[in-house]
Amino acid sequence: MISTLFRNDSCSKKAMAPSKSIKRSCYWLFVSAVITTLGLALSPVAAAPAQSNSDQLFGLTTGEAAEAPLSTVWSKMLRALNDERPIIAHCRTEPSACFLPAASKFLALVQEGEYLQGRSKIAHINRAANAALRSENNAHEDGEWRAPLDAIAKGIGDCKHYAVLKYAALAAAGIALDALKIVVVEVRSSHALHAMVAVRSEGRWLLLDNRSAILIESTLAGAYYKPLYVLDQDGVAQFGPADRLQIVAQSDKSTY
């Protein structure tokens, strides 16, 4: 940067016997260049606070959700996930003694990205999970939430089944539970409810959609999705007003 600013005839090494005024001009140009360079170097530091919300889903905060059927359903799902973990662990340590095909398929899915790191791990498991189930033609046909082994055994599902499967597979592949969430959103274009997995990687939350292999940063997805709820190891939280959870839980629209 400084060398570029010094491309000036009055300061060129080829200039012969520069006058005092030229020397003064070079001096102030040098000072200006140093100040400009320092300003450029410090500007990212000054801008950092504006990006501090990148570590939050959609760049938003959440609050405690009101008691509703969704909270009950998710509590039941967390218990089902805990019940399946010993089965999966047994099949991992003793593959020859694993007589549950769904568990073997689940472990094969996990191993797609288990030994990779960062976004590569997430992307491989996302694609494998998308291919593990056949998407239901009628999104409202199946309102039941299913644990991963049940979903794989059935072989067909909608967005919530894909989301639970990815949630469990990423955890089994070594992703920390506090970096994993299921998000329920409203698709702005259709006003339909939709469920996805969110994974925190390198300080940013990535959305995993069963309709795409692309990992989307949540802070860039606000134009497409209206965030509603977060489901994780601690229960259910919400992005919106306290009464929104009760309204959606009582709706006859199923997520898809």
Protein backbone atom coordinates (compact mmCIF):
# COMPACT_ATOMS: atom_id res chain seq x y z
CA MET A 1 0.00 0.00 0.00
CA ILE A 2 2.75 2.47 0.94
CA SER A 3 4.78 1.67 -2.18
CA THR A 4 1.71 2.28 -4.32
CA LEU A 5 1.10 5.67 -2.78
CA PHE A 6 4.70 6.67 -3.45
CA ARG A 7 4.34 6.34 -7.20
CA ASN A 8 4.76 10.10 -7.61
CA ASP A 9 7.25 12.04 -9.71
CA SER A 10 8.12 14.40 -6.85
CA CYS A 11 9.19 11.44 -4.67
CA SER A 12 10.77 9.26 -7.34
CA LYS A 13 14.32 8.07 -6.75
CA LYS A 14 15.07 9.44 -10.20
CA ALA A 15 14.29 13.03 -9.14
CA MET A 16 17.41 15.20 -9.22
CA ALA A 17 18.30 17.52 -6.26
CA PRO A 18 14.83 17.82 -4.76
CA SER A 19 13.99 21.22 -3.27
CA LYS A 20 12.95 21.78 0.37
CA SER A 21 9.31 22.11 -0.70
CA ILE A 22 9.49 18.76 -2.49
CA LYS A 23 11.09 17.18 0.57
CA ARG A 24 8.28 18.54 2.74
CA SER A 25 5.75 17.18 0.22
CA CYS A 26 7.35 13.72 0.39
CA TYR A 27 7.38 13.83 4.17
CA TRP A 28 3.67 14.60 4.49
CA LEU A 29 2.84 12.05 1.81
CA PHE A 30 4.74 9.47 3.81
CA VAL A 31 2.83 10.39 6.99
CA SER A 32 -0.46 10.21 5.09
CA ALA A 33 0.43 6.77 3.71
CA VAL A 34 1.27 5.43 7.16
CA ILE A 35 -2.00 6.73 8.62
CA THR A 36 -3.98 5.27 5.71
CA THR A 37 -2.31 1.88 6.05
CA LEU A 38 -2.87 1.77 9.81
CA GLY A 39 -6.50 2.72 9.28
CA LEU A 40 -6.96 -0.17 6.84
CA ALA A 41 -5.28 -2.57 9.23
CA LEU A 42 -7.49 -1.54 12.12
CA SER A 43 -10.79 -1.32 10.26
CA PRO A 44 -11.66 -5.07 10.56
CA VAL A 45 -11.24 -4.79 14.33
CA ALA A 46 -13.67 -1.88 14.43
CA ALA A 47 -16.16 -3.81 12.29
CA ALA A 48 -16.02 -6.98 14.40
CA PRO A 49 -18.86 -6.13 16.82
CA ALA A 50 -21.28 -5.80 13.89
CA GLN A 51 -20.70 -9.48 13.06
CA SER A 52 -20.88 -10.77 16.62
CA ASN A 53 -24.40 -12.14 16.01
CA SER A 54 -23.06 -14.66 13.47
CA ASP A 55 -22.70 -17.07 16.40
CA GLN A 56 -26.47 -16.96 16.92
CA LEU A 57 -29.01 -18.79 14.80
CA PHE A 58 -30.30 -16.40 12.13
CA GLY A 59 -28.45 -13.70 14.05
CA LEU A 60 -31.33 -13.69 16.57
CA THR A 61 -31.79 -14.46 20.24
CA THR A 62 -34.31 -16.97 21.60
CA GLY A 63 -36.43 -17.16 24.71
CA GLU A 64 -38.15 -19.86 26.72
CA ALA A 65 -41.10 -21.39 24.91
CA ALA A 66 -44.54 -21.66 26.42
CA GLU A 67 -45.78 -25.11 27.43
CA ALA A 68 -47.35 -26.75 24.38
CA PRO A 69 -47.73 -30.09 22.58
CA LEU A 70 -44.47 -29.44 20.70
CA SER A 71 -42.54 -29.42 23.99
CA THR A 72 -44.13 -32.74 24.95
CA VAL A 73 -43.35 -34.29 21.56
CA TRP A 74 -39.72 -33.18 21.71
CA SER A 75 -39.25 -34.47 25.27
CA LYS A 76 -40.52 -37.85 24.09
CA MET A 77 -38.10 -37.74 21.13
CA LEU A 78 -35.13 -36.99 23.39
CA ARG A 79 -36.00 -40.08 25.45
CA ALA A 80 -36.23 -42.17 22.25
CA LEU A 81 -32.80 -40.92 21.14
CA ASN A 82 -31.34 -41.94 24.51
CA ASP A 83 -32.96 -45.37 24.21
CA GLU A 84 -31.38 -45.95 20.79
CA ARG A 85 -27.83 -44.95 21.78
CA PRO A 86 -26.96 -48.25 23.56
CA ILE A 87 -28.21 -50.22 20.54
CA ILE A 88 -26.06 -48.15 18.18
CA ALA A 89 -23.05 -48.40 20.52
CA HIS A 90 -23.40 -52.20 20.66
CA CYS A 91 -23.54 -52.46 16.87
CA ARG A 92 -20.51 -50.18 16.58
CA THR A 93 -18.34 -52.25 18.92
CA GLU A 94 -19.62 -55.65 17.75
CA PRO A 95 -20.74 -55.35 14.12
CA SER A 96 -20.96 -59.13 13.68
CA ALA A 97 -23.44 -59.32 16.56
CA CYS A 98 -25.64 -56.51 15.26
CA PHE A 99 -28.92 -58.04 14.14
CA LEU A 100 -30.74 -54.76 13.57
CA PRO A 101 -30.32 -53.70 9.90
CA ALA A 102 -31.45 -50.15 10.69
CA ALA A 103 -28.59 -49.74 13.18
CA SER A 104 -26.04 -50.98 10.64
CA LYS A 105 -27.41 -48.53 8.06
CA PHE A 106 -27.29 -45.71 10.60
CA LEU A 107 -23.63 -46.45 11.39
CA ALA A 108 -22.79 -46.58 7.68
CA LEU A 109 -24.35 -43.12 7.37
CA VAL A 110 -22.29 -41.82 10.32
CA GLN A 111 -19.08 -43.25 8.86
CA GLU A 112 -19.63 -41.19 5.68
CA GLY A 113 -18.12 -38.24 7.53
CA GLU A 114 -16.94 -39.51 10.89
CA TYR A 115 -13.24 -39.16 10.12
CA LEU A 116 -13.52 -35.82 8.33
CA GLN A 117 -13.39 -32.40 9.95
CA GLY A 118 -15.42 -29.20 9.90
CA ARG A 119 -17.73 -28.52 7.00
CA SER A 120 -16.54 -31.58 5.11
CA LYS A 121 -17.85 -33.83 7.91
CA ILE A 122 -21.16 -31.98 8.02
CA ALA A 123 -21.62 -31.96 4.24
CA HIS A 124 -20.92 -35.70 3.85
CA ILE A 125 -23.37 -36.70 6.59
CA ASN A 126 -25.97 -34.28 5.25
CA ARG A 127 -25.84 -35.88 1.81
CA ALA A 128 -25.86 -39.41 3.23
CA ALA A 129 -28.91 -38.66 5.40
CA ASN A 130 -30.75 -37.07 2.47
CA ALA A 131 -30.21 -40.30 0.53
CA ALA A 132 -31.14 -42.59 3.44
CA LEU A 133 -34.88 -41.87 3.28
CA ARG A 134 -37.38 -41.50 0.49
CA SER A 135 -39.28 -38.24 0.71
CA GLU A 136 -43.00 -38.61 1.30
CA ASN A 137 -45.22 -37.41 -1.53
CA ASN A 138 -47.86 -36.10 0.87
CA ALA A 139 -46.16 -33.88 3.39
CA HIS A 140 -49.17 -33.83 5.75
CA GLU A 141 -49.69 -37.58 5.71
CA ASP A 142 -47.36 -38.46 8.58
CA GLY A 143 -47.57 -36.27 11.66
CA GLU A 144 -45.52 -38.63 13.85
CA TRP A 145 -41.98 -37.79 14.93
CA ARG A 146 -39.72 -40.85 14.72
CA ALA A 147 -36.33 -41.72 16.17
CA PRO A 148 -33.55 -42.42 13.63
CA LEU A 149 -33.66 -46.22 13.65
CA ASP A 150 -37.44 -46.20 13.25
CA ALA A 151 -37.17 -43.72 10.39
CA ILE A 152 -34.51 -45.81 8.61
CA ALA A 153 -36.55 -48.98 9.10
CA LYS A 154 -39.57 -47.34 7.51
CA GLY A 155 -37.40 -45.87 4.74
CA ILE A 156 -39.66 -42.90 4.06
CA GLY A 157 -40.17 -39.60 5.81
CA ASP A 158 -40.67 -35.86 5.73
CA CYS A 159 -38.50 -32.99 6.90
CA LYS A 160 -38.82 -33.68 10.63
CA HIS A 161 -37.69 -37.29 10.14
CA TYR A 162 -34.66 -36.15 8.11
CA ALA A 163 -33.90 -33.53 10.77
CA VAL A 164 -33.94 -36.00 13.67
CA LEU A 165 -31.84 -38.46 11.67
CA LYS A 166 -29.19 -35.82 10.94
CA TYR A 167 -29.26 -34.57 14.53
CA ALA A 168 -28.47 -38.07 15.81
CA ALA A 169 -25.95 -38.93 13.07
CA LEU A 170 -23.93 -35.74 13.55
CA ALA A 171 -23.86 -36.32 17.31
CA ALA A 172 -22.67 -39.91 16.75
CA ALA A 173 -19.96 -38.58 14.42
CA GLY A 174 -18.54 -36.39 17.17
CA ILE A 175 -20.37 -33.06 16.85
CA ALA A 176 -21.00 -31.61 20.32
CA LEU A 177 -24.66 -31.50 21.35
CA ASP A 178 -24.43 -27.79 22.15
CA ALA A 179 -23.50 -27.23 18.48
CA LEU A 180 -26.59 -29.09 17.21
CA LYS A 181 -30.19 -27.92 16.99
CA ILE A 182 -33.35 -28.60 15.04
CA VAL A 183 -35.07 -25.44 13.84
CA VAL A 184 -38.69 -25.07 12.82
CA VAL A 185 -39.30 -22.24 10.37
CA GLU A 186 -42.05 -20.86 8.21
CA VAL A 187 -41.18 -20.82 4.51
CA ARG A 188 -41.93 -17.22 3.53
CA SER A 189 -42.95 -18.01 -0.05
CA SER A 190 -45.52 -20.69 0.86
CA HIS A 191 -46.19 -20.04 4.59
CA ALA A 192 -45.64 -23.77 5.17
CA LEU A 193 -43.81 -25.07 8.23
CA HIS A 194 -40.46 -26.75 7.69
CA ALA A 195 -37.84 -28.43 9.92
CA MET A 196 -34.07 -28.44 9.41
CA VAL A 197 -30.93 -29.17 11.37
CA ALA A 198 -28.61 -26.33 12.36
CA VAL A 199 -24.93 -27.04 13.07
CA ARG A 200 -22.40 -24.58 14.46
CA SER A 201 -19.09 -24.74 12.62
CA GLU A 202 -16.27 -22.20 12.90
CA GLY A 203 -18.51 -19.80 14.81
CA ARG A 204 -21.35 -19.87 12.27
CA TRP A 205 -24.63 -21.75 12.20
CA LEU A 206 -25.22 -23.81 9.05
CA LEU A 207 -28.65 -25.05 7.97
CA LEU A 208 -29.03 -28.61 6.62
CA ASP A 209 -32.11 -29.06 4.46
CA ASN A 210 -33.41 -32.42 3.20
CA ARG A 211 -34.21 -30.70 -0.11
CA SER A 212 -30.62 -29.65 -0.82
CA ALA A 213 -27.00 -30.71 -0.35
CA ILE A 214 -25.93 -27.09 0.11
CA LEU A 215 -24.97 -25.85 3.57
CA ILE A 216 -26.59 -22.46 4.13
CA GLU A 217 -25.41 -19.93 6.70
CA SER A 218 -28.44 -19.12 8.85
CA THR A 219 -27.73 -15.38 8.88
CA LEU A 220 -28.18 -15.37 5.09
CA ALA A 221 -31.46 -17.31 5.13
CA GLY A 222 -33.78 -14.76 6.73
CA ALA A 223 -35.22 -13.74 3.36
CA TYR A 224 -36.44 -17.31 2.77
CA TYR A 225 -37.37 -18.54 6.25
CA LYS A 226 -39.12 -17.01 9.24
CA PRO A 227 -37.51 -18.62 12.32
CA LEU A 228 -39.99 -19.96 14.86
CA TYR A 229 -38.55 -22.56 17.27
CA VAL A 230 -35.33 -24.26 18.32
CA LEU A 231 -35.26 -27.86 19.57
CA ASP A 232 -32.13 -29.16 21.29
CA GLN A 233 -30.85 -31.08 24.30
CA ASP A 234 -32.27 -28.40 26.62
CA GLY A 235 -35.81 -28.51 25.24
CA VAL A 236 -37.75 -26.05 23.08
CA ALA A 237 -37.05 -22.32 22.69
CA GLN A 238 -38.67 -19.77 20.43
CA PHE A 239 -37.70 -16.78 18.34
CA GLY A 240 -41.07 -15.06 18.35
CA PRO A 241 -43.71 -13.85 20.83
CA ALA A 242 -44.55 -16.11 23.77
CA ASP A 243 -47.95 -17.10 22.36
CA ARG A 244 -46.65 -18.21 18.94
CA LEU A 245 -45.65 -21.71 20.05
CA GLN A 246 -49.15 -22.44 21.33
CA ILE A 247 -50.70 -21.20 18.07
CA VAL A 248 -48.53 -23.39 15.86
CA ALA A 249 -48.77 -26.44 18.13
CA GLN A 250 -52.55 -26.32 17.82
CA SER A 251 -52.40 -25.96 14.04
CA ASP A 252 -53.33 -28.95 11.87
CA LYS A 253 -50.43 -28.15 9.51
CA SER A 254 -47.63 -30.70 9.77
CA THR A 255 -44.04 -29.73 9.09
CA TYR A 256 -42.57 -31.04 5.85
